[in-house]
Protein backbone atom coordinates (compact mmCIF):
# COMPACT_ATOMS: atom_id res chain seq x y z
CA MET A 1 59.94 182.32 1.54
CA ALA A 2 60.90 184.41 4.56
CA ILE A 3 63.19 187.35 3.84
CA SER A 4 65.48 188.67 6.56
CA GLU A 5 67.58 191.79 6.50
CA VAL A 6 70.46 193.54 8.19
CA ARG A 7 71.27 197.25 8.05
CA PHE A 8 74.64 198.91 8.15
CA HIS A 9 76.37 202.21 7.47
CA LEU A 10 79.26 202.28 5.07
CA HIS A 11 81.94 204.77 4.08
CA ILE A 12 84.52 203.58 1.58
CA PRO A 13 86.60 206.41 0.08
CA ALA A 14 87.04 206.32 -3.72
CA ASP A 15 90.73 205.37 -3.56
CA VAL A 16 89.95 202.41 -1.29
CA TYR A 17 87.00 201.28 -3.40
CA LEU A 18 89.32 201.17 -6.42
CA SER A 19 90.87 197.95 -5.03
CA TYR A 20 87.38 196.39 -5.00
CA TYR A 21 86.63 197.63 -8.50
CA GLN A 22 89.91 196.28 -9.87
CA GLY A 23 89.18 192.87 -8.37
CA GLN A 24 91.95 192.95 -5.78
CA ALA A 25 89.31 192.60 -3.07
CA ARG A 26 86.24 190.54 -3.88
CA HIS A 27 84.25 190.83 -0.67
CA VAL A 28 83.26 193.54 1.76
CA LEU A 29 83.06 192.79 5.49
CA VAL A 30 80.80 195.10 7.49
CA ALA A 31 79.49 195.37 11.03
CA THR A 32 75.71 195.65 11.05
CA ASP A 33 73.77 198.05 13.24
CA GLU A 34 73.16 195.06 15.56
CA GLY A 35 76.90 194.34 15.81
CA LEU A 36 76.96 191.26 13.53
CA LYS A 37 79.73 190.85 10.97
CA VAL A 38 78.46 190.19 7.45
CA GLN A 39 80.40 189.56 4.26
CA PHE A 40 79.04 190.10 0.75
CA PRO A 41 80.40 190.45 -2.81
CA ALA A 42 81.94 193.87 -3.49
CA ARG A 43 80.32 193.96 -6.94
CA LEU A 44 76.97 194.68 -5.28
CA LEU A 45 78.20 198.17 -4.40
CA ARG A 46 78.92 199.21 -8.01
CA PRO A 47 75.55 200.95 -8.55
CA TYR A 48 76.23 203.13 -5.49
CA VAL A 49 79.76 204.35 -6.32
CA THR A 50 80.25 208.10 -6.68
CA ARG A 51 83.38 210.21 -7.12
CA GLU A 52 83.66 210.26 -3.33
CA GLY A 53 83.40 206.45 -3.06
CA VAL A 54 80.54 204.58 -1.40
CA THR A 55 78.74 206.20 1.52
CA GLY A 56 75.37 205.68 3.15
CA GLU A 57 73.01 203.41 5.01
CA PHE A 58 72.34 200.08 3.33
CA ARG A 59 70.06 197.07 3.76
CA LEU A 60 71.22 193.56 2.85
CA ARG A 61 68.37 191.11 2.30
CA TYR A 62 68.68 187.33 2.41
CA ASP A 63 66.39 184.30 2.50
CA GLU A 64 65.95 181.59 5.14
CA HIS A 65 68.90 179.69 3.64
CA HIS A 66 71.09 182.79 4.05
CA LYS A 67 71.21 183.22 0.28
CA LEU A 68 71.59 186.83 -0.81
CA VAL A 69 68.42 188.39 -2.19
CA GLY A 70 69.55 191.99 -2.65
CA LEU A 71 71.31 195.12 -1.46
CA ASP A 72 69.50 198.46 -1.22
CA LYS A 73 70.77 201.91 -0.36
CA LEU A 74 68.43 203.52 2.17
CA SER A 75 70.03 206.94 2.65
CA ASP A 76 73.21 208.96 2.11
């Protein structure tokens, strides 16, 4: 199985992330470092939420069928 990845930087202030946490917004749409637009479930960001919100560089991994494999935080 071939795993592909995209990287992106994200800054979601805590008050904005609250709408994701409360279920008002279910997906996050980001622009990758290569300029692609990628959507993924907002719930994947929960492990990375701080009092300031969600900030950092992330890697989204997916398989050859474009099925999500995982989301990793690479740096703050």
